[in-house]
Amino acid sequence: MTELLQQAIAQIQQLPPDQQDAIASRLLAELQDEQKWEARFATTTDNQWDRMAAMVRQEIAKDETVPLDEVFPTQT
């Protein structure tokens, strides 16, 4: 176990049981989601990646994209 994870667990252990369970539920859900994405990426074929890239290129060419700063505005 990494030092950072040990620090996080030590802090979580100081919380009331209901808060510990809430954090544990979020962590387990995050881990499950990550496993699904990893499996999905691992099974994506080169043809599927090529099709996805072509779709993105078409959206860019048609000016159907939104600047990243509009999606995630910088905070000042």
PDB file of N, CA and C in Angstrom:
ATOM      1  N   MET A   1       0.854  -1.168   0.000  1.00  0.00           N
ATOM      2  CA  MET A   1       0.000   0.000   0.000  1.00  0.00           C
ATOM      3  C   MET A   1       0.902   1.234   0.000  1.00  0.00           C
ATOM      4  N   THR A   2       0.512   2.212  -0.773  1.00  0.00           N
ATOM      5  CA  THR A   2       1.330   3.424  -0.854  1.00  0.00           C
ATOM      6  C   THR A   2       1.160   4.273   0.407  1.00  0.00           C
ATOM      7  N   GLU A   3       2.122   5.155   0.605  1.00  0.00           N
ATOM      8  CA  GLU A   3       2.069   6.047   1.767  1.00  0.00           C
ATOM      9  C   GLU A   3       0.857   6.972   1.691  1.00  0.00           C
ATOM     10  N   LEU A   4       0.568   7.455   0.483  1.00  0.00           N
ATOM     11  CA  LEU A   4      -0.572   8.357   0.313  1.00  0.00           C
ATOM     12  C   LEU A   4      -1.880   7.650   0.666  1.00  0.00           C
ATOM     13  N   LEU A   5      -2.030   6.417   0.216  1.00  0.00           N
ATOM     14  CA  LEU A   5      -3.245   5.666   0.532  1.00  0.00           C
ATOM     15  C   LEU A   5      -3.338   5.400   2.034  1.00  0.00           C
ATOM     16  N   GLN A   6      -2.211   5.106   2.660  1.00  0.00           N
ATOM     17  CA  GLN A   6      -2.202   4.903   4.110  1.00  0.00           C
ATOM     18  C   GLN A   6      -2.640   6.175   4.837  1.00  0.00           C
ATOM     19  N   GLN A   7      -2.182   7.328   4.367  1.00  0.00           N
ATOM     20  CA  GLN A   7      -2.576   8.601   4.979  1.00  0.00           C
ATOM     21  C   GLN A   7      -4.079   8.825   4.834  1.00  0.00           C
ATOM     22  N   ALA A   8      -4.598   8.546   3.650  1.00  0.00           N
ATOM     23  CA  ALA A   8      -6.027   8.731   3.406  1.00  0.00           C
ATOM     24  C   ALA A   8      -6.843   7.809   4.311  1.00  0.00           C
ATOM     25  N   ILE A   9      -6.451   6.569   4.405  1.00  0.00           N
ATOM     26  CA  ILE A   9      -7.178   5.613   5.246  1.00  0.00           C
ATOM     27  C   ILE A   9      -7.106   6.025   6.712  1.00  0.00           C
ATOM     28  N   ALA A  10      -5.945   6.499   7.150  1.00  0.00           N
ATOM     29  CA  ALA A  10      -5.809   6.945   8.534  1.00  0.00           C
ATOM     30  C   ALA A  10      -6.779   8.089   8.835  1.00  0.00           C
ATOM     31  N   GLN A  11      -6.929   8.996   7.898  1.00  0.00           N
ATOM     32  CA  GLN A  11      -7.861  10.112   8.101  1.00  0.00           C
ATOM     33  C   GLN A  11      -9.305   9.637   8.072  1.00  0.00           C
ATOM     34  N   ILE A  12      -9.592   8.723   7.161  1.00  0.00           N
ATOM     35  CA  ILE A  12     -10.956   8.191   7.051  1.00  0.00           C
ATOM     36  C   ILE A  12     -11.337   7.447   8.325  1.00  0.00           C
ATOM     37  N   GLN A  13     -10.397   6.749   8.930  1.00  0.00           N
ATOM     38  CA  GLN A  13     -10.669   5.992  10.148  1.00  0.00           C
ATOM     39  C   GLN A  13     -11.089   6.901  11.306  1.00  0.00           C
ATOM     40  N   GLN A  14     -10.750   8.159  11.241  1.00  0.00           N
ATOM     41  CA  GLN A  14     -11.105   9.107  12.293  1.00  0.00           C
ATOM     42  C   GLN A  14     -12.546   9.609  12.158  1.00  0.00           C
ATOM     43  N   LEU A  15     -13.166   9.345  11.040  1.00  0.00           N
ATOM     44  CA  LEU A  15     -14.523   9.825  10.785  1.00  0.00           C
ATOM     45  C   LEU A  15     -15.562   8.890  11.414  1.00  0.00           C
ATOM     46  N   PRO A  16     -16.771   9.401  11.596  1.00  0.00           N
ATOM     47  CA  PRO A  16     -17.857   8.542  12.083  1.00  0.00           C
ATOM     48  C   PRO A  16     -18.145   7.428  11.066  1.00  0.00           C
ATOM     49  N   PRO A  17     -18.680   6.302  11.548  1.00  0.00           N
ATOM     50  CA  PRO A  17     -18.930   5.152  10.666  1.00  0.00           C
ATOM     51  C   PRO A  17     -19.749   5.473   9.420  1.00  0.00           C
ATOM     52  N   ASP A  18     -20.770   6.329   9.544  1.00  0.00           N
ATOM     53  CA  ASP A  18     -21.595   6.629   8.367  1.00  0.00           C
ATOM     54  C   ASP A  18     -20.796   7.364   7.297  1.00  0.00           C
ATOM     55  N   GLN A  19     -19.892   8.242   7.719  1.00  0.00           N
ATOM     56  CA  GLN A  19     -19.049   8.934   6.748  1.00  0.00           C
ATOM     57  C   GLN A  19     -18.014   7.982   6.150  1.00  0.00           C
ATOM     58  N   GLN A  20     -17.498   7.078   6.960  1.00  0.00           N
ATOM     59  CA  GLN A  20     -16.560   6.073   6.445  1.00  0.00           C
ATOM     60  C   GLN A  20     -17.240   5.231   5.368  1.00  0.00           C
ATOM     61  N   ASP A  21     -18.485   4.809   5.644  1.00  0.00           N
ATOM     62  CA  ASP A  21     -19.222   4.000   4.669  1.00  0.00           C
ATOM     63  C   ASP A  21     -19.515   4.774   3.392  1.00  0.00           C
ATOM     64  N   ALA A  22     -19.820   6.060   3.534  1.00  0.00           N
ATOM     65  CA  ALA A  22     -20.100   6.882   2.346  1.00  0.00           C
ATOM     66  C   ALA A  22     -18.852   6.983   1.471  1.00  0.00           C
ATOM     67  N   ILE A  23     -17.703   7.208   2.089  1.00  0.00           N
ATOM     68  CA  ILE A  23     -16.455   7.305   1.326  1.00  0.00           C
ATOM     69  C   ILE A  23     -16.118   5.947   0.710  1.00  0.00           C
ATOM     70  N   ALA A  24     -16.296   4.882   1.468  1.00  0.00           N
ATOM     71  CA  ALA A  24     -16.013   3.544   0.951  1.00  0.00           C
ATOM     72  C   ALA A  24     -16.903   3.224  -0.254  1.00  0.00           C
ATOM     73  N   SER A  25     -18.156   3.606  -0.179  1.00  0.00           N
ATOM     74  CA  SER A  25     -19.077   3.366  -1.304  1.00  0.00           C
ATOM     75  C   SER A  25     -18.625   4.101  -2.552  1.00  0.00           C
ATOM     76  N   ARG A  26     -18.196   5.354  -2.374  1.00  0.00           N
ATOM     77  CA  ARG A  26     -17.712   6.138  -3.524  1.00  0.00           C
ATOM     78  C   ARG A  26     -16.450   5.533  -4.105  1.00  0.00           C
ATOM     79  N   LEU A  27     -15.536   5.111  -3.239  1.00  0.00           N
ATOM     80  CA  LEU A  27     -14.295   4.495  -3.728  1.00  0.00           C
ATOM     81  C   LEU A  27     -14.575   3.204  -4.488  1.00  0.00           C
ATOM     82  N   LEU A  28     -15.443   2.370  -3.933  1.00  0.00           N
ATOM     83  CA  LEU A  28     -15.762   1.108  -4.608  1.00  0.00           C
ATOM     84  C   LEU A  28     -16.443   1.354  -5.952  1.00  0.00           C
ATOM     85  N   ALA A  29     -17.323   2.336  -6.007  1.00  0.00           N
ATOM     86  CA  ALA A  29     -17.981   2.673  -7.273  1.00  0.00           C
ATOM     87  C   ALA A  29     -16.961   3.184  -8.280  1.00  0.00           C
ATOM     88  N   GLU A  30     -16.026   3.996  -7.820  1.00  0.00           N
ATOM     89  CA  GLU A  30     -14.979   4.521  -8.704  1.00  0.00           C
ATOM     90  C   GLU A  30     -14.106   3.391  -9.239  1.00  0.00           C
ATOM     91  N   LEU A  31     -13.740   2.464  -8.380  1.00  0.00           N
ATOM     92  CA  LEU A  31     -12.925   1.320  -8.809  1.00  0.00           C
ATOM     93  C   LEU A  31     -13.664   0.468  -9.834  1.00  0.00           C
ATOM     94  N   GLN A  32     -14.938   0.235  -9.592  1.00  0.00           N
ATOM     95  CA  GLN A  32     -15.734  -0.556 -10.535  1.00  0.00           C
ATOM     96  C   GLN A  32     -15.836   0.157 -11.884  1.00  0.00           C
ATOM     97  N   ASP A  33     -16.067   1.463 -11.855  1.00  0.00           N
ATOM     98  CA  ASP A  33     -16.146   2.240 -13.078  1.00  0.00           C
ATOM     99  C   ASP A  33     -14.824   2.195 -13.839  1.00  0.00           C
ATOM    100  N   GLU A  34     -13.716   2.326 -13.127  1.00  0.00           N
ATOM    101  CA  GLU A  34     -12.394   2.281 -13.751  1.00  0.00           C
ATOM    102  C   GLU A  34     -12.147   0.930 -14.411  1.00  0.00           C
ATOM    103  N   GLN A  35     -12.558  -0.153 -13.747  1.00  0.00           N
ATOM    104  CA  GLN A  35     -12.387  -1.487 -14.317  1.00  0.00           C
ATOM    105  C   GLN A  35     -13.197  -1.650 -15.600  1.00  0.00           C
ATOM    106  N   LYS A  36     -14.402  -1.095 -15.612  1.00  0.00           N
ATOM    107  CA  LYS A  36     -15.231  -1.164 -16.820  1.00  0.00           C
ATOM    108  C   LYS A  36     -14.569  -0.423 -17.979  1.00  0.00           C
ATOM    109  N   TRP A  37     -14.041   0.803 -17.684  1.00  0.00           N
ATOM    110  CA  TRP A  37     -13.387   1.570 -18.741  1.00  0.00           C
ATOM    111  C   TRP A  37     -12.138   0.849 -19.251  1.00  0.00           C
ATOM    112  N   GLU A  38     -11.355   0.294 -18.343  1.00  0.00           N
ATOM    113  CA  GLU A  38     -10.146  -0.425 -18.762  1.00  0.00           C
ATOM    114  C   GLU A  38     -10.507  -1.602 -19.667  1.00  0.00           C
ATOM    115  N   ALA A  39     -11.545  -2.336 -19.302  1.00  0.00           N
ATOM    116  CA  ALA A  39     -11.978  -3.470 -20.127  1.00  0.00           C
ATOM    117  C   ALA A  39     -12.475  -2.978 -21.483  1.00  0.00           C
ATOM    118  N   ARG A  40     -13.202  -1.877 -21.475  1.00  0.00           N
ATOM    119  CA  ARG A  40     -13.737  -1.334 -22.723  1.00  0.00           C
ATOM    120  C   ARG A  40     -12.616  -0.893 -23.663  1.00  0.00           C
ATOM    121  N   PHE A  41     -11.624  -0.177 -23.115  1.00  0.00           N
ATOM    122  CA  PHE A  41     -10.499   0.263 -23.931  1.00  0.00           C
ATOM    123  C   PHE A  41      -9.690  -0.922 -24.443  1.00  0.00           C
ATOM    124  N   ALA A  42      -9.521  -1.934 -23.604  1.00  0.00           N
ATOM    125  CA  ALA A  42      -8.721  -3.092 -23.993  1.00  0.00           C
ATOM    126  C   ALA A  42      -9.349  -3.860 -25.150  1.00  0.00           C
ATOM    127  N   THR A  43     -10.671  -3.799 -25.262  1.00  0.00           N
ATOM    128  CA  THR A  43     -11.349  -4.552 -26.320  1.00  0.00           C
ATOM    129  C   THR A  43     -11.700  -3.704 -27.542  1.00  0.00           C
ATOM    130  N   THR A  44     -11.327  -2.422 -27.509  1.00  0.00           N
ATOM    131  CA  THR A  44     -11.603  -1.554 -28.659  1.00  0.00           C
ATOM    132  C   THR A  44     -10.630  -1.891 -29.788  1.00  0.00           C
ATOM    133  N   THR A  45     -11.172  -2.134 -30.951  1.00  0.00           N
ATOM    134  CA  THR A  45     -10.353  -2.522 -32.094  1.00  0.00           C
ATOM    135  C   THR A  45      -9.769  -1.302 -32.787  1.00  0.00           C
ATOM    136  N   ASP A  46      -8.746  -1.527 -33.591  1.00  0.00           N
ATOM    137  CA  ASP A  46      -8.157  -0.434 -34.367  1.00  0.00           C
ATOM    138  C   ASP A  46      -9.201   0.193 -35.286  1.00  0.00           C
ATOM    139  N   ASN A  47     -10.069  -0.628 -35.857  1.00  0.00           N
ATOM    140  CA  ASN A  47     -11.123  -0.114 -36.730  1.00  0.00           C
ATOM    141  C   ASN A  47     -12.061   0.816 -35.962  1.00  0.00           C
ATOM    142  N   GLN A  48     -12.405   0.448 -34.740  1.00  0.00           N
ATOM    143  CA  GLN A  48     -13.269   1.302 -33.930  1.00  0.00           C
ATOM    144  C   GLN A  48     -12.576   2.626 -33.599  1.00  0.00           C
ATOM    145  N   TRP A  49     -11.293   2.579 -33.261  1.00  0.00           N
ATOM    146  CA  TRP A  49     -10.547   3.815 -32.998  1.00  0.00           C
ATOM    147  C   TRP A  49     -10.497   4.690 -34.245  1.00  0.00           C
ATOM    148  N   ASP A  50     -10.270   4.060 -35.392  1.00  0.00           N
ATOM    149  CA  ASP A  50     -10.218   4.809 -36.648  1.00  0.00           C
ATOM    150  C   ASP A  50     -11.548   5.490 -36.941  1.00  0.00           C
ATOM    151  N   ARG A  51     -12.653   4.771 -36.733  1.00  0.00           N
ATOM    152  CA  ARG A  51     -13.982   5.355 -36.957  1.00  0.00           C
ATOM    153  C   ARG A  51     -14.242   6.517 -36.009  1.00  0.00           C
ATOM    154  N   MET A  52     -13.836   6.353 -34.758  1.00  0.00           N
ATOM    155  CA  MET A  52     -14.024   7.413 -33.778  1.00  0.00           C
ATOM    156  C   MET A  52     -13.209   8.652 -34.156  1.00  0.00           C
ATOM    157  N   ALA A  53     -11.978   8.447 -34.583  1.00  0.00           N
ATOM    158  CA  ALA A  53     -11.129   9.565 -34.997  1.00  0.00           C
ATOM    159  C   ALA A  53     -11.730  10.266 -36.211  1.00  0.00           C
ATOM    160  N   ALA A  54     -12.272   9.504 -37.143  1.00  0.00           N
ATOM    161  CA  ALA A  54     -12.900  10.094 -38.326  1.00  0.00           C
ATOM    162  C   ALA A  54     -14.105  10.943 -37.926  1.00  0.00           C
ATOM    163  N   MET A  55     -14.889  10.466 -36.963  1.00  0.00           N
ATOM    164  CA  MET A  55     -16.042  11.231 -36.502  1.00  0.00           C
ATOM    165  C   MET A  55     -15.599  12.555 -35.865  1.00  0.00           C
ATOM    166  N   VAL A  56     -14.547  12.509 -35.098  1.00  0.00           N
ATOM    167  CA  VAL A  56     -14.035  13.724 -34.468  1.00  0.00           C
ATOM    168  C   VAL A  56     -13.541  14.701 -35.528  1.00  0.00           C
ATOM    169  N   ARG A  57     -12.818  14.192 -36.518  1.00  0.00           N
ATOM    170  CA  ARG A  57     -12.329  15.061 -37.594  1.00  0.00           C
ATOM    171  C   ARG A  57     -13.487  15.735 -38.329  1.00  0.00           C
ATOM    172  N   GLN A  58     -14.574  14.977 -38.560  1.00  0.00           N
ATOM    173  CA  GLN A  58     -15.749  15.547 -39.226  1.00  0.00           C
ATOM    174  C   GLN A  58     -16.368  16.652 -38.376  1.00  0.00           C
ATOM    175  N   GLU A  59     -16.485  16.421 -37.072  1.00  0.00           N
ATOM    176  CA  GLU A  59     -17.054  17.439 -36.196  1.00  0.00           C
ATOM    177  C   GLU A  59     -16.198  18.701 -36.190  1.00  0.00           C
ATOM    178  N   ILE A  60     -14.900  18.521 -36.186  1.00  0.00           N
ATOM    179  CA  ILE A  60     -14.001  19.678 -36.222  1.00  0.00           C
ATOM    180  C   ILE A  60     -14.160  20.419 -37.545  1.00  0.00           C
ATOM    181  N   ALA A  61     -14.202  19.693 -38.649  1.00  0.00           N
ATOM    182  CA  ALA A  61     -14.328  20.314 -39.971  1.00  0.00           C
ATOM    183  C   ALA A  61     -15.650  21.072 -40.109  1.00  0.00           C
ATOM    184  N   LYS A  62     -16.706  20.569 -39.488  1.00  0.00           N
ATOM    185  CA  LYS A  62     -18.017  21.216 -39.548  1.00  0.00           C
ATOM    186  C   LYS A  62     -18.180  22.285 -38.466  1.00  0.00           C
ATOM    187  N   ASP A  63     -17.131  22.531 -37.722  1.00  0.00           N
ATOM    188  CA  ASP A  63     -17.158  23.509 -36.637  1.00  0.00           C
ATOM    189  C   ASP A  63     -18.248  23.176 -35.619  1.00  0.00           C
ATOM    190  N   GLU A  64     -18.377  21.884 -35.324  1.00  0.00           N
ATOM    191  CA  GLU A  64     -19.380  21.418 -34.369  1.00  0.00           C
ATOM    192  C   GLU A  64     -18.773  21.156 -32.982  1.00  0.00           C
ATOM    193  N   THR A  65     -17.591  21.648 -32.762  1.00  0.00           N
ATOM    194  CA  THR A  65     -16.943  21.433 -31.478  1.00  0.00           C
ATOM    195  C   THR A  65     -17.053  22.689 -30.615  1.00  0.00           C
ATOM    196  N   VAL A  66     -16.823  22.519 -29.343  1.00  0.00           N
ATOM    197  CA  VAL A  66     -16.861  23.620 -28.387  1.00  0.00           C
ATOM    198  C   VAL A  66     -15.465  23.744 -27.789  1.00  0.00           C
ATOM    199  N   PRO A  67     -14.946  24.952 -27.687  1.00  0.00           N
ATOM    200  CA  PRO A  67     -13.629  25.116 -27.076  1.00  0.00           C
ATOM    201  C   PRO A  67     -13.600  24.556 -25.655  1.00  0.00           C
ATOM    202  N   LEU A  68     -12.518  23.939 -25.306  1.00  0.00           N
ATOM    203  CA  LEU A  68     -12.378  23.314 -24.001  1.00  0.00           C
ATOM    204  C   LEU A  68     -12.582  24.312 -22.873  1.00  0.00           C
ATOM    205  N   ASP A  69     -12.160  25.556 -23.087  1.00  0.00           N
ATOM    206  CA  ASP A  69     -12.344  26.592 -22.059  1.00  0.00           C
ATOM    207  C   ASP A  69     -13.818  26.864 -21.773  1.00  0.00           C
ATOM    208  N   GLU A  70     -14.679  26.601 -22.745  1.00  0.00           N
ATOM    209  CA  GLU A  70     -16.119  26.777 -22.502  1.00  0.00           C
ATOM    210  C   GLU A  70     -16.680  25.623 -21.702  1.00  0.00           C
ATOM    211  N   VAL A  71     -16.113  24.446 -21.895  1.00  0.00           N
ATOM    212  CA  VAL A  71     -16.584  23.284 -21.159  1.00  0.00           C
ATOM    213  C   VAL A  71     -16.040  23.310 -19.733  1.00  0.00           C
ATOM    214  N   PHE A  72     -14.769  23.664 -19.604  1.00  0.00           N
ATOM    215  CA  PHE A  72     -14.104  23.749 -18.303  1.00  0.00           C
ATOM    216  C   PHE A  72     -13.483  25.140 -18.159  1.00  0.00           C
ATOM    217  N   PRO A  73     -14.292  26.130 -17.773  1.00  0.00           N
ATOM    218  CA  PRO A  73     -13.759  27.476 -17.654  1.00  0.00           C
ATOM    219  C   PRO A  73     -12.656  27.548 -16.600  1.00  0.00           C
ATOM    220  N   THR A  74     -11.658  28.347 -16.886  1.00  0.00           N
ATOM    221  CA  THR A  74     -10.583  28.526 -15.914  1.00  0.00           C
ATOM    222  C   THR A  74     -11.093  29.361 -14.762  1.00  0.00           C
ATOM    223  N   GLN A  75     -10.715  28.963 -13.574  1.00  0.00           N
ATOM    224  CA  GLN A  75     -11.165  29.682 -12.384  1.00  0.00           C
ATOM    225  C   GLN A  75     -10.108  30.686 -11.982  1.00  0.00           C
ATOM    226  N   THR A  76     -10.579  31.855 -11.634  1.00  0.00           N
ATOM    227  CA  THR A  76      -9.632  32.900 -11.212  1.00  0.00           C
ATOM    228  C   THR A  76      -9.747  33.177  -9.748  1.00  0.00           C
TER     229      THR A  76
END
